[in-house]
Each structure stands twice: as structure tokens, then as C-alpha cells.
């Protein structure tokens, strides 16, 4: 099995690739910016860090858009962090157009008050561990407890136009969408590669997933 981790120059992908190698020792994990390698992969992981305008620009500079769109149509596809946000129509960050795979907009947190169980005022970016409430049954949640904690670092969140896309939510002064799913695509705002046992289980589920 070949697993392509898409590299468009935004973020350190070593932790993603090492986590995948850990849960899939027999797979060939390829960190790549080559569209032909992405096209030949059996599974595709689309991570990212940084600002949405920069991510979209660098993706297109490397000629990766067609390969990403093709993978999102026909193979197990996992988006992580900005890799979730880029799947939507637009983002408030730089008024940027995304890939338009999912209908909806990426919005900036405008937090006032406190999250449930927290007495201090919340900060942006949302950084650290938080609970993920599973909204649907999905093979990638198998063996992951509802309300398990995952690691987040972000200032923007996806607001899907279709409620049936929502696979998970997190409370940060408001409930926001932190996971989406449709057909062969699953995407998360948090970082499973930095989320210890629950994150590794999700990645292992992705490797064995047969959508």
C-alpha cells in the first residue's frame, strides 16, 4: 500500500509521516509534492499549517490541485488542520477561495465568554487539548471514545453549509465543527499525529478504511 502525504511547503510533515509509519509499518509512506506520486497512491493524506492564502498559493504553484481533486473523488482521503479548511468554498482568512469540495465557509473565532467548565476568558488561537464530540458513527471513530481529547492549533474553523457533513464538534466558547465526512473523505481540524493514543487509533482506522 502506498500512502501519499501531500507536501506543498506549508508545515513540518515529519510528525504526520512518522505517525503513519507507526500505525502502518507495512505501508510505503511517501511525503511528496509530485502530482504523479499523489495520483498513483492508494490513500492520500492532506495536512497543512499556516495561513490559508499561502497554502492555496503554494499548492497551485506546485501543480497539485488536479491530483488533490482527483484523490478526493476516488480514494480514501484524510484532511488535517488546514487540509480540512482548504476543502471548503471560501475562507475569511484573506477572503480566500478554497477547493470547493464541500459547501461552506471557514470563519475566524470571535470568542467571548468561556467554554463549558472553564472560568477564564478564551484566547485565539485555540491551542491545546480539547474534547471531540462524535456526531455520527464512522469507521474512523472506531475504538475512539466519544469526547476523547485531541490536540488543536488554529484560529479559524469550518462552517459547513450542509449539516450532514459534520462528523465531530468541539466546544470552545461555542460548538464548532472539528471533523467532516462524506463518502471517501474524512477531515479533521485537530492534529491526530500529535494526539497520542486516540490520534494514532484514528490514523490506523484510516489505513484500514474501505469506503
N, C-alpha and C. Protein backbone atom coordinates (compact mmCIF):
# COMPACT_ATOMS: atom_id res chain seq x y z
N UNK A 1 0.83 -1.19 0.00
CA UNK A 1 0.00 0.00 0.00
C UNK A 1 0.88 1.25 0.00
N UNK A 2 0.53 2.20 -0.87
CA UNK A 2 1.24 3.48 -0.92
C UNK A 2 0.35 4.58 -0.35
N UNK A 3 0.87 5.31 0.64
CA UNK A 3 0.15 6.41 1.26
C UNK A 3 0.90 7.69 0.96
N UNK A 4 0.27 8.59 0.23
CA UNK A 4 0.89 9.87 -0.11
C UNK A 4 0.51 10.93 0.92
N UNK A 5 1.51 11.58 1.50
CA UNK A 5 1.31 12.74 2.37
C UNK A 5 1.69 13.95 1.53
N UNK A 6 0.72 14.79 1.22
CA UNK A 6 0.95 15.88 0.27
C UNK A 6 1.76 16.99 0.92
N UNK A 7 2.85 17.33 0.25
CA UNK A 7 3.77 18.37 0.72
C UNK A 7 3.69 19.56 -0.24
N UNK A 8 3.10 20.67 0.22
CA UNK A 8 3.08 21.88 -0.61
C UNK A 8 3.85 23.00 0.09
N UNK A 9 4.79 22.60 0.95
CA UNK A 9 5.71 23.55 1.54
C UNK A 9 5.19 24.27 2.77
N UNK A 10 4.06 23.82 3.32
CA UNK A 10 3.45 24.51 4.45
C UNK A 10 3.38 23.59 5.65
N UNK A 11 4.37 23.67 6.51
CA UNK A 11 4.33 22.89 7.74
C UNK A 11 5.32 21.75 7.74
N UNK A 12 5.69 21.32 8.92
CA UNK A 12 6.58 20.19 9.11
C UNK A 12 5.76 18.91 9.05
N UNK A 13 5.99 18.09 8.06
CA UNK A 13 5.19 16.90 7.84
C UNK A 13 5.81 15.65 8.46
N UNK A 14 6.94 15.81 9.12
CA UNK A 14 7.63 14.66 9.69
C UNK A 14 6.76 13.93 10.71
N UNK A 15 6.07 14.68 11.58
CA UNK A 15 5.26 14.03 12.61
C UNK A 15 4.09 13.26 11.99
N UNK A 16 3.53 13.77 10.90
CA UNK A 16 2.44 13.06 10.21
C UNK A 16 2.97 11.76 9.61
N UNK A 17 4.07 11.84 8.88
CA UNK A 17 4.61 10.64 8.23
C UNK A 17 5.06 9.61 9.25
N UNK A 18 5.69 10.05 10.34
CA UNK A 18 6.16 9.11 11.35
C UNK A 18 4.99 8.41 12.05
N UNK A 19 3.91 9.15 12.32
CA UNK A 19 2.73 8.54 12.93
C UNK A 19 2.11 7.51 12.00
N UNK A 20 2.05 7.80 10.71
CA UNK A 20 1.51 6.84 9.74
C UNK A 20 2.40 5.61 9.63
N UNK A 21 3.71 5.81 9.65
CA UNK A 21 4.62 4.67 9.60
C UNK A 21 4.46 3.79 10.84
N UNK A 22 4.17 4.43 11.97
CA UNK A 22 3.99 3.68 13.22
C UNK A 22 2.76 2.78 13.15
N UNK A 23 1.65 3.31 12.62
CA UNK A 23 0.41 2.52 12.60
C UNK A 23 0.32 1.61 11.38
N UNK A 24 1.16 1.85 10.37
CA UNK A 24 1.13 1.06 9.14
C UNK A 24 2.55 0.70 8.72
N UNK A 25 3.23 -0.16 9.50
CA UNK A 25 4.63 -0.47 9.23
C UNK A 25 4.87 -1.15 7.88
N UNK A 26 3.83 -1.76 7.33
CA UNK A 26 3.99 -2.44 6.04
C UNK A 26 3.67 -1.54 4.85
N UNK A 27 3.19 -0.34 5.13
CA UNK A 27 2.85 0.58 4.04
C UNK A 27 4.06 1.41 3.63
N UNK A 28 4.03 1.91 2.42
CA UNK A 28 5.04 2.85 1.93
C UNK A 28 4.47 4.26 2.07
N UNK A 29 5.00 5.01 3.03
CA UNK A 29 4.51 6.37 3.29
C UNK A 29 5.42 7.35 2.55
N UNK A 30 4.84 8.11 1.64
CA UNK A 30 5.59 9.00 0.76
C UNK A 30 5.20 10.44 1.01
N UNK A 31 6.11 11.25 1.53
CA UNK A 31 5.88 12.69 1.63
C UNK A 31 6.28 13.28 0.29
N UNK A 32 5.33 13.87 -0.41
CA UNK A 32 5.59 14.22 -1.81
C UNK A 32 4.91 15.51 -2.25
N UNK A 33 5.58 16.22 -3.13
CA UNK A 33 4.98 17.36 -3.83
C UNK A 33 4.82 17.05 -5.31
N UNK A 34 4.95 15.78 -5.68
CA UNK A 34 4.85 15.32 -7.07
C UNK A 34 3.43 14.86 -7.34
N UNK A 35 2.76 15.53 -8.26
CA UNK A 35 1.37 15.19 -8.57
C UNK A 35 1.25 13.76 -9.09
N UNK A 36 2.26 13.26 -9.78
CA UNK A 36 2.20 11.90 -10.30
C UNK A 36 2.25 10.88 -9.16
N UNK A 37 3.00 11.16 -8.13
CA UNK A 37 3.06 10.26 -6.97
C UNK A 37 1.72 10.26 -6.25
N UNK A 38 1.12 11.43 -6.10
CA UNK A 38 -0.21 11.52 -5.47
C UNK A 38 -1.22 10.73 -6.28
N UNK A 39 -1.15 10.85 -7.61
CA UNK A 39 -2.10 10.16 -8.47
C UNK A 39 -1.97 8.65 -8.39
N UNK A 40 -0.77 8.15 -8.07
CA UNK A 40 -0.53 6.71 -8.03
C UNK A 40 -0.75 6.12 -6.64
N UNK A 41 -0.99 6.95 -5.63
CA UNK A 41 -1.11 6.48 -4.26
C UNK A 41 -2.46 5.79 -4.03
N UNK A 42 -2.46 4.84 -3.10
CA UNK A 42 -3.70 4.15 -2.73
C UNK A 42 -4.53 4.96 -1.75
N UNK A 43 -3.86 5.73 -0.89
CA UNK A 43 -4.51 6.59 0.10
C UNK A 43 -3.78 7.92 0.14
N UNK A 44 -4.50 8.98 0.43
CA UNK A 44 -3.91 10.32 0.40
C UNK A 44 -4.22 11.06 1.70
N UNK A 45 -3.18 11.66 2.27
CA UNK A 45 -3.31 12.50 3.45
C UNK A 45 -2.95 13.92 3.06
N UNK A 46 -3.82 14.86 3.44
CA UNK A 46 -3.71 16.26 3.01
C UNK A 46 -3.60 17.13 4.27
N UNK A 47 -2.38 17.29 4.81
CA UNK A 47 -2.20 18.10 6.01
C UNK A 47 -1.84 19.54 5.66
N UNK A 48 -1.53 20.33 6.66
CA UNK A 48 -1.09 21.69 6.41
C UNK A 48 -1.11 22.54 7.65
N UNK A 49 -0.25 23.54 7.64
CA UNK A 49 -0.19 24.55 8.69
C UNK A 49 0.07 25.90 8.04
N UNK A 50 -0.34 26.97 8.74
CA UNK A 50 -0.07 28.30 8.23
C UNK A 50 -1.32 29.01 7.79
N UNK A 51 -1.15 30.04 6.97
CA UNK A 51 -2.26 30.88 6.52
C UNK A 51 -2.89 30.30 5.25
N UNK A 52 -4.20 30.35 5.20
CA UNK A 52 -4.93 29.79 4.06
C UNK A 52 -4.49 30.38 2.71
N UNK A 53 -4.33 31.71 2.57
CA UNK A 53 -3.89 32.23 1.26
C UNK A 53 -2.56 31.65 0.82
N UNK A 54 -1.62 31.52 1.75
CA UNK A 54 -0.31 30.96 1.41
C UNK A 54 -0.43 29.49 1.02
N UNK A 55 -1.26 28.75 1.74
CA UNK A 55 -1.42 27.33 1.45
C UNK A 55 -2.01 27.10 0.06
N UNK A 56 -3.05 27.84 -0.28
CA UNK A 56 -3.65 27.69 -1.61
C UNK A 56 -2.67 28.09 -2.71
N UNK A 57 -1.93 29.15 -2.49
CA UNK A 57 -0.96 29.60 -3.50
C UNK A 57 0.13 28.56 -3.71
N UNK A 58 0.69 28.05 -2.62
CA UNK A 58 1.78 27.08 -2.74
C UNK A 58 1.29 25.76 -3.35
N UNK A 59 0.09 25.36 -3.02
CA UNK A 59 -0.49 24.16 -3.64
C UNK A 59 -0.56 24.32 -5.15
N UNK A 60 -1.05 25.48 -5.60
CA UNK A 60 -1.17 25.71 -7.04
C UNK A 60 0.19 25.90 -7.71
N UNK A 61 1.13 26.52 -7.01
CA UNK A 61 2.47 26.69 -7.57
C UNK A 61 3.13 25.35 -7.88
N UNK A 62 2.78 24.34 -7.12
CA UNK A 62 3.35 23.00 -7.33
C UNK A 62 2.49 22.14 -8.25
N UNK A 63 1.42 22.71 -8.78
CA UNK A 63 0.58 21.98 -9.72
C UNK A 63 -0.17 20.81 -9.12
N UNK A 64 -0.51 20.92 -7.82
CA UNK A 64 -1.11 19.80 -7.11
C UNK A 64 -2.64 19.78 -7.14
N UNK A 65 -3.25 20.86 -7.52
CA UNK A 65 -4.72 20.93 -7.43
C UNK A 65 -5.42 19.78 -8.16
N UNK A 66 -5.10 19.50 -9.44
CA UNK A 66 -5.82 18.41 -10.12
C UNK A 66 -5.66 17.06 -9.42
N UNK A 67 -4.46 16.76 -8.93
CA UNK A 67 -4.22 15.48 -8.26
C UNK A 67 -4.99 15.39 -6.95
N UNK A 68 -5.08 16.51 -6.23
CA UNK A 68 -5.83 16.52 -4.97
C UNK A 68 -7.32 16.34 -5.23
N UNK A 69 -7.85 17.03 -6.21
CA UNK A 69 -9.27 16.90 -6.55
C UNK A 69 -9.59 15.48 -7.00
N UNK A 70 -8.70 14.87 -7.77
CA UNK A 70 -8.92 13.50 -8.22
C UNK A 70 -8.91 12.54 -7.05
N UNK A 71 -7.95 12.70 -6.13
CA UNK A 71 -7.87 11.82 -4.97
C UNK A 71 -9.11 11.95 -4.09
N UNK A 72 -9.61 13.18 -3.96
CA UNK A 72 -10.80 13.41 -3.14
C UNK A 72 -12.05 12.79 -3.75
N UNK A 73 -11.99 12.44 -5.02
CA UNK A 73 -13.13 11.81 -5.68
C UNK A 73 -13.13 10.30 -5.53
N UNK A 74 -11.95 9.68 -5.47
CA UNK A 74 -11.96 8.23 -5.69
C UNK A 74 -11.08 7.39 -4.77
N UNK A 75 -10.45 7.99 -3.72
CA UNK A 75 -9.62 7.20 -2.82
C UNK A 75 -9.84 7.61 -1.37
N UNK A 76 -9.50 6.75 -0.42
CA UNK A 76 -9.54 7.19 0.97
C UNK A 76 -8.68 8.44 1.15
N UNK A 77 -9.27 9.49 1.69
CA UNK A 77 -8.66 10.82 1.70
C UNK A 77 -8.84 11.41 3.10
N UNK A 78 -7.73 11.79 3.73
CA UNK A 78 -7.77 12.35 5.08
C UNK A 78 -7.19 13.75 5.07
N UNK A 79 -8.01 14.74 5.44
CA UNK A 79 -7.53 16.11 5.59
C UNK A 79 -7.23 16.41 7.04
N UNK A 80 -6.16 17.17 7.29
CA UNK A 80 -5.74 17.51 8.65
C UNK A 80 -5.50 19.01 8.75
N UNK A 81 -6.15 19.67 9.72
CA UNK A 81 -5.95 21.09 10.03
C UNK A 81 -6.30 21.96 8.81
N UNK A 82 -5.34 22.68 8.25
CA UNK A 82 -5.63 23.48 7.05
C UNK A 82 -6.12 22.58 5.92
N UNK A 83 -5.70 21.32 5.94
CA UNK A 83 -6.18 20.37 4.94
C UNK A 83 -7.66 20.12 5.03
N UNK A 84 -8.30 20.38 6.16
CA UNK A 84 -9.76 20.40 6.25
C UNK A 84 -10.29 21.72 5.68
N UNK A 85 -9.73 22.83 6.11
CA UNK A 85 -10.26 24.14 5.72
C UNK A 85 -10.20 24.35 4.21
N UNK A 86 -9.16 23.85 3.56
CA UNK A 86 -8.99 24.05 2.13
C UNK A 86 -10.04 23.31 1.30
N UNK A 87 -10.74 22.36 1.91
CA UNK A 87 -11.77 21.62 1.18
C UNK A 87 -13.04 22.44 0.96
N UNK A 88 -13.20 23.55 1.69
CA UNK A 88 -14.45 24.33 1.62
C UNK A 88 -14.39 25.41 0.55
N UNK A 89 -15.53 26.10 0.36
CA UNK A 89 -15.65 27.09 -0.72
C UNK A 89 -14.74 28.29 -0.52
N UNK A 90 -14.83 28.91 0.66
CA UNK A 90 -14.10 30.15 0.91
C UNK A 90 -13.65 30.21 2.37
N UNK A 91 -12.69 31.10 2.62
CA UNK A 91 -12.23 31.36 3.98
C UNK A 91 -12.19 32.86 4.23
N UNK A 92 -12.53 33.25 5.45
CA UNK A 92 -12.40 34.66 5.84
C UNK A 92 -10.94 35.08 5.95
N UNK A 93 -10.05 34.12 6.03
CA UNK A 93 -8.63 34.44 6.12
C UNK A 93 -8.14 34.89 4.74
N UNK A 94 -8.02 36.19 4.56
CA UNK A 94 -7.60 36.74 3.28
C UNK A 94 -8.65 36.66 2.20
N UNK A 95 -9.91 36.40 2.59
CA UNK A 95 -11.00 36.26 1.62
C UNK A 95 -10.58 35.31 0.50
N UNK A 96 -10.19 34.11 0.90
CA UNK A 96 -9.56 33.15 0.00
C UNK A 96 -10.54 32.10 -0.48
N UNK A 97 -10.47 31.77 -1.76
CA UNK A 97 -11.28 30.69 -2.31
C UNK A 97 -10.57 29.36 -2.05
N UNK A 98 -11.35 28.37 -1.57
CA UNK A 98 -10.82 27.04 -1.34
C UNK A 98 -11.05 26.14 -2.54
N UNK A 99 -10.96 24.83 -2.30
CA UNK A 99 -11.12 23.86 -3.38
C UNK A 99 -12.58 23.63 -3.75
N UNK A 100 -13.51 24.01 -2.90
CA UNK A 100 -14.93 23.88 -3.22
C UNK A 100 -15.44 22.45 -3.24
N UNK A 101 -14.76 21.55 -2.55
CA UNK A 101 -15.23 20.16 -2.48
C UNK A 101 -16.45 20.07 -1.57
N UNK A 102 -16.44 20.83 -0.48
CA UNK A 102 -17.56 20.89 0.45
C UNK A 102 -18.16 22.29 0.43
N UNK A 103 -19.50 22.42 0.50
CA UNK A 103 -20.11 23.75 0.57
C UNK A 103 -19.96 24.32 1.98
N UNK A 104 -19.59 25.59 2.04
CA UNK A 104 -19.47 26.23 3.34
C UNK A 104 -18.31 27.20 3.38
N UNK A 105 -18.15 27.83 4.53
CA UNK A 105 -17.15 28.88 4.69
C UNK A 105 -16.32 28.61 5.92
N UNK A 106 -15.06 29.04 5.87
CA UNK A 106 -14.17 28.95 7.02
C UNK A 106 -14.17 30.32 7.70
N UNK A 107 -14.46 30.33 9.01
CA UNK A 107 -14.64 31.58 9.74
C UNK A 107 -13.61 31.70 10.86
N UNK A 108 -13.35 32.94 11.26
CA UNK A 108 -12.43 33.18 12.37
C UNK A 108 -13.20 33.16 13.69
N UNK A 109 -12.57 32.59 14.72
CA UNK A 109 -13.19 32.63 16.04
C UNK A 109 -13.39 34.08 16.48
N UNK A 110 -14.56 34.37 16.99
CA UNK A 110 -14.84 35.65 17.63
C UNK A 110 -15.34 35.31 19.02
N UNK A 111 -14.43 34.86 19.87
CA UNK A 111 -14.81 34.26 21.14
C UNK A 111 -15.09 35.32 22.18
N UNK A 112 -16.22 35.19 22.86
CA UNK A 112 -16.50 35.98 24.05
C UNK A 112 -17.01 35.02 25.11
N UNK A 113 -16.59 35.23 26.35
CA UNK A 113 -17.01 34.34 27.40
C UNK A 113 -16.09 33.13 27.52
N UNK A 114 -16.63 32.03 28.04
CA UNK A 114 -15.82 30.88 28.37
C UNK A 114 -16.48 29.62 27.84
N UNK A 115 -15.65 28.61 27.60
CA UNK A 115 -16.16 27.31 27.23
C UNK A 115 -16.74 26.62 28.46
N UNK A 116 -17.49 25.57 28.22
CA UNK A 116 -18.08 24.84 29.33
C UNK A 116 -16.97 24.33 30.25
N UNK A 117 -17.14 24.58 31.54
CA UNK A 117 -16.19 24.08 32.52
C UNK A 117 -14.93 24.92 32.65
N UNK A 118 -14.84 26.04 31.92
CA UNK A 118 -13.66 26.88 32.01
C UNK A 118 -14.07 28.26 32.53
N UNK A 119 -13.31 28.76 33.49
CA UNK A 119 -13.66 30.04 34.10
C UNK A 119 -12.93 31.21 33.46
N UNK A 120 -11.85 30.94 32.75
CA UNK A 120 -11.06 32.02 32.18
C UNK A 120 -11.54 32.36 30.77
N UNK A 121 -11.27 33.59 30.37
CA UNK A 121 -11.63 34.04 29.03
C UNK A 121 -10.81 33.27 28.00
N UNK A 122 -11.44 32.90 26.92
CA UNK A 122 -10.78 32.10 25.90
C UNK A 122 -9.91 32.96 24.99
N UNK A 123 -8.90 32.33 24.43
CA UNK A 123 -7.94 33.03 23.57
C UNK A 123 -8.00 32.48 22.15
N UNK A 124 -7.61 33.32 21.22
CA UNK A 124 -7.43 32.91 19.83
C UNK A 124 -5.96 33.13 19.50
N UNK A 125 -5.25 32.10 19.01
CA UNK A 125 -5.78 30.83 18.52
C UNK A 125 -6.22 29.86 19.62
N UNK A 126 -7.09 28.97 19.22
CA UNK A 126 -7.47 27.83 20.05
C UNK A 126 -6.30 26.86 20.01
N UNK A 127 -5.62 26.70 21.15
CA UNK A 127 -4.39 25.91 21.17
C UNK A 127 -4.39 24.99 22.38
N UNK A 128 -4.14 23.72 22.15
CA UNK A 128 -4.05 22.75 23.23
C UNK A 128 -5.06 21.63 23.06
N UNK A 129 -5.28 20.91 24.16
CA UNK A 129 -6.13 19.72 24.15
C UNK A 129 -7.59 20.10 24.39
N UNK A 130 -8.49 19.45 23.63
CA UNK A 130 -9.91 19.68 23.82
C UNK A 130 -10.68 18.43 23.41
N UNK A 131 -11.90 18.32 23.94
CA UNK A 131 -12.71 17.15 23.67
C UNK A 131 -13.38 17.22 22.31
N UNK A 132 -13.52 16.07 21.68
CA UNK A 132 -14.20 15.95 20.40
C UNK A 132 -15.45 15.10 20.59
N UNK A 133 -16.61 15.71 20.31
CA UNK A 133 -17.89 15.01 20.42
C UNK A 133 -18.25 14.43 19.05
N UNK A 134 -18.36 13.14 18.98
CA UNK A 134 -18.67 12.47 17.71
C UNK A 134 -20.15 12.66 17.37
N UNK A 135 -20.40 13.15 16.16
CA UNK A 135 -21.78 13.44 15.75
C UNK A 135 -22.38 12.33 14.89
N UNK A 136 -21.56 11.46 14.37
CA UNK A 136 -22.04 10.35 13.55
C UNK A 136 -21.22 9.11 13.90
N UNK A 137 -21.75 7.95 13.55
CA UNK A 137 -20.94 6.74 13.58
C UNK A 137 -20.13 6.69 12.30
N UNK A 138 -18.84 6.41 12.44
CA UNK A 138 -17.97 6.39 11.26
C UNK A 138 -16.83 5.43 11.53
N UNK A 139 -16.36 4.72 10.50
CA UNK A 139 -15.24 3.79 10.72
C UNK A 139 -13.99 4.44 11.31
N UNK A 140 -13.75 5.73 11.07
CA UNK A 140 -12.56 6.36 11.62
C UNK A 140 -12.69 6.67 13.11
N UNK A 141 -13.91 6.62 13.63
CA UNK A 141 -14.11 6.79 15.08
C UNK A 141 -14.02 5.45 15.81
N UNK A 142 -13.90 4.34 15.11
CA UNK A 142 -13.90 3.02 15.75
C UNK A 142 -12.80 2.93 16.80
N UNK A 143 -13.16 2.56 18.02
CA UNK A 143 -12.19 2.42 19.08
C UNK A 143 -11.76 3.72 19.72
N UNK A 144 -12.30 4.85 19.26
CA UNK A 144 -12.02 6.17 19.85
C UNK A 144 -13.21 6.55 20.71
N UNK A 145 -13.00 6.79 21.97
CA UNK A 145 -14.10 7.13 22.86
C UNK A 145 -14.71 8.47 22.48
N UNK A 146 -16.03 8.56 22.58
CA UNK A 146 -16.69 9.86 22.41
C UNK A 146 -16.18 10.81 23.49
N UNK A 147 -15.94 12.05 23.11
CA UNK A 147 -15.39 13.08 24.00
C UNK A 147 -13.91 12.84 24.32
N UNK A 148 -13.24 12.01 23.52
CA UNK A 148 -11.79 11.88 23.66
C UNK A 148 -11.13 13.22 23.35
N UNK A 149 -9.95 13.42 23.92
CA UNK A 149 -9.25 14.69 23.75
C UNK A 149 -8.23 14.60 22.62
N UNK A 150 -8.21 15.66 21.80
CA UNK A 150 -7.27 15.77 20.68
C UNK A 150 -6.57 17.12 20.76
N UNK A 151 -5.48 17.24 20.05
CA UNK A 151 -4.66 18.46 20.11
C UNK A 151 -5.01 19.41 18.95
N UNK A 152 -5.28 20.68 19.29
CA UNK A 152 -5.68 21.71 18.33
C UNK A 152 -4.69 22.86 18.31
N UNK A 153 -4.51 23.46 17.14
CA UNK A 153 -3.82 24.76 17.00
C UNK A 153 -4.45 25.45 15.80
N UNK A 154 -5.36 26.42 16.04
CA UNK A 154 -6.00 27.10 14.91
C UNK A 154 -6.77 28.33 15.38
N UNK A 155 -6.94 29.26 14.45
CA UNK A 155 -7.72 30.48 14.70
C UNK A 155 -9.00 30.52 13.87
N UNK A 156 -9.13 29.61 12.91
CA UNK A 156 -10.28 29.56 12.01
C UNK A 156 -10.91 28.17 12.09
N UNK A 157 -12.20 28.11 11.78
CA UNK A 157 -12.92 26.83 11.84
C UNK A 157 -13.88 26.75 10.67
N UNK A 158 -14.19 25.55 10.24
CA UNK A 158 -15.11 25.35 9.12
C UNK A 158 -16.56 25.45 9.58
N UNK A 159 -17.36 26.11 8.76
CA UNK A 159 -18.80 26.21 8.99
C UNK A 159 -19.51 25.61 7.78
N UNK A 160 -19.79 24.29 7.81
CA UNK A 160 -20.38 23.64 6.64
C UNK A 160 -21.79 24.16 6.34
N UNK A 161 -22.10 24.27 5.06
CA UNK A 161 -23.45 24.66 4.65
C UNK A 161 -24.42 23.50 4.76
N UNK A 162 -23.89 22.28 4.80
CA UNK A 162 -24.73 21.08 4.90
C UNK A 162 -24.44 20.39 6.23
N UNK A 163 -25.46 20.29 7.07
CA UNK A 163 -25.27 19.71 8.39
C UNK A 163 -24.86 18.25 8.36
N UNK A 164 -25.22 17.53 7.27
CA UNK A 164 -24.89 16.10 7.22
C UNK A 164 -23.40 15.85 6.95
N UNK A 165 -22.61 16.90 6.76
CA UNK A 165 -21.17 16.75 6.63
C UNK A 165 -20.48 16.62 7.99
N UNK A 166 -21.15 17.07 9.05
CA UNK A 166 -20.49 17.21 10.35
C UNK A 166 -20.31 15.84 11.01
N UNK A 167 -19.04 15.49 11.27
CA UNK A 167 -18.71 14.22 11.92
C UNK A 167 -18.27 14.40 13.36
N UNK A 168 -17.88 15.63 13.73
CA UNK A 168 -17.44 15.89 15.09
C UNK A 168 -17.51 17.36 15.42
N UNK A 169 -17.74 17.67 16.71
CA UNK A 169 -17.78 19.05 17.18
C UNK A 169 -16.96 19.20 18.45
N UNK A 170 -16.50 20.43 18.70
CA UNK A 170 -15.74 20.75 19.90
C UNK A 170 -16.27 22.06 20.47
N UNK A 171 -16.28 22.14 21.80
CA UNK A 171 -16.73 23.34 22.49
C UNK A 171 -15.54 24.25 22.78
N UNK A 172 -15.58 25.44 22.19
CA UNK A 172 -14.59 26.48 22.54
C UNK A 172 -15.31 27.82 22.55
N UNK A 173 -16.10 28.01 23.59
CA UNK A 173 -16.95 29.19 23.68
C UNK A 173 -18.20 29.08 22.83
N UNK A 174 -18.19 28.14 21.92
CA UNK A 174 -19.27 27.78 21.02
C UNK A 174 -18.92 26.39 20.50
N UNK A 175 -19.92 25.69 20.03
CA UNK A 175 -19.63 24.40 19.40
C UNK A 175 -19.28 24.65 17.93
N UNK A 176 -18.10 24.22 17.53
CA UNK A 176 -17.69 24.37 16.14
C UNK A 176 -17.39 22.99 15.54
N UNK A 177 -17.47 22.93 14.22
CA UNK A 177 -17.21 21.69 13.51
C UNK A 177 -15.71 21.41 13.51
N UNK A 178 -15.33 20.24 14.01
CA UNK A 178 -13.92 19.87 14.03
C UNK A 178 -13.63 18.62 13.21
N UNK A 179 -14.67 18.02 12.62
CA UNK A 179 -14.47 16.87 11.74
C UNK A 179 -15.63 16.82 10.75
N UNK A 180 -15.30 16.50 9.51
CA UNK A 180 -16.32 16.37 8.47
C UNK A 180 -16.09 15.06 7.73
N UNK A 181 -17.16 14.54 7.15
CA UNK A 181 -17.05 13.27 6.43
C UNK A 181 -18.08 13.21 5.32
N UNK A 182 -17.66 12.65 4.19
CA UNK A 182 -18.58 12.34 3.09
C UNK A 182 -17.90 11.32 2.19
N UNK A 183 -18.59 10.22 1.95
CA UNK A 183 -18.09 9.20 1.05
C UNK A 183 -16.66 8.77 1.44
N UNK A 184 -15.69 9.01 0.60
CA UNK A 184 -14.30 8.57 0.83
C UNK A 184 -13.45 9.62 1.53
N UNK A 185 -14.05 10.73 1.96
CA UNK A 185 -13.30 11.83 2.59
C UNK A 185 -13.62 11.90 4.07
N UNK A 186 -12.57 12.03 4.87
CA UNK A 186 -12.71 12.34 6.29
C UNK A 186 -11.67 13.42 6.57
N UNK A 187 -12.05 14.48 7.26
CA UNK A 187 -11.11 15.57 7.52
C UNK A 187 -11.33 16.11 8.92
N UNK A 188 -10.22 16.48 9.57
CA UNK A 188 -10.27 16.90 10.97
C UNK A 188 -9.50 18.21 11.16
N UNK A 189 -9.99 19.05 12.06
CA UNK A 189 -9.31 20.30 12.38
C UNK A 189 -8.14 20.05 13.33
N UNK A 190 -8.25 19.05 14.16
CA UNK A 190 -7.21 18.75 15.14
C UNK A 190 -6.06 17.98 14.48
N UNK A 191 -5.02 17.71 15.26
CA UNK A 191 -3.83 17.02 14.77
C UNK A 191 -3.79 15.60 15.35
N UNK A 192 -4.25 14.60 14.62
CA UNK A 192 -4.20 13.23 15.16
C UNK A 192 -2.77 12.76 15.41
N UNK A 193 -1.83 13.25 14.61
CA UNK A 193 -0.43 12.83 14.75
C UNK A 193 0.20 13.34 16.04
N UNK A 194 -0.46 14.30 16.71
CA UNK A 194 0.03 14.84 17.98
C UNK A 194 -0.90 14.50 19.14
N UNK A 195 -1.82 13.58 18.90
CA UNK A 195 -2.89 13.32 19.88
C UNK A 195 -2.79 11.94 20.54
N UNK A 196 -1.59 11.41 20.62
CA UNK A 196 -1.32 10.20 21.39
C UNK A 196 -2.24 9.04 20.96
N UNK A 197 -2.77 8.32 21.93
CA UNK A 197 -3.47 7.06 21.63
C UNK A 197 -4.68 7.24 20.73
N UNK A 198 -5.50 8.24 21.01
CA UNK A 198 -6.71 8.45 20.21
C UNK A 198 -6.36 8.85 18.78
N UNK A 199 -5.35 9.70 18.64
CA UNK A 199 -4.93 10.12 17.30
C UNK A 199 -4.35 8.99 16.49
N UNK A 200 -3.54 8.15 17.14
CA UNK A 200 -2.96 7.01 16.44
C UNK A 200 -4.04 6.01 16.04
N UNK A 201 -5.05 5.85 16.89
CA UNK A 201 -6.15 4.94 16.54
C UNK A 201 -6.90 5.46 15.31
N UNK A 202 -7.15 6.76 15.26
CA UNK A 202 -7.83 7.34 14.10
C UNK A 202 -7.01 7.12 12.83
N UNK A 203 -5.69 7.32 12.92
CA UNK A 203 -4.83 7.10 11.75
C UNK A 203 -4.82 5.63 11.34
N UNK A 204 -4.78 4.74 12.32
CA UNK A 204 -4.83 3.31 12.00
C UNK A 204 -6.16 2.96 11.33
N UNK A 205 -7.24 3.55 11.80
CA UNK A 205 -8.54 3.32 11.17
C UNK A 205 -8.55 3.80 9.72
N UNK A 206 -7.87 4.92 9.47
CA UNK A 206 -7.80 5.43 8.10
C UNK A 206 -7.06 4.44 7.19
N UNK A 207 -6.00 3.85 7.70
CA UNK A 207 -5.23 2.92 6.89
C UNK A 207 -6.05 1.69 6.50
N UNK A 208 -6.93 1.25 7.39
CA UNK A 208 -7.73 0.05 7.11
C UNK A 208 -9.11 0.37 6.53
N UNK A 209 -9.45 1.64 6.41
CA UNK A 209 -10.79 2.07 5.96
C UNK A 209 -11.03 1.66 4.52
N UNK A 210 -12.22 1.12 4.27
CA UNK A 210 -12.64 0.76 2.92
C UNK A 210 -13.97 1.44 2.60
N UNK A 211 -13.91 2.72 2.23
CA UNK A 211 -15.15 3.46 1.96
C UNK A 211 -15.86 2.95 0.70
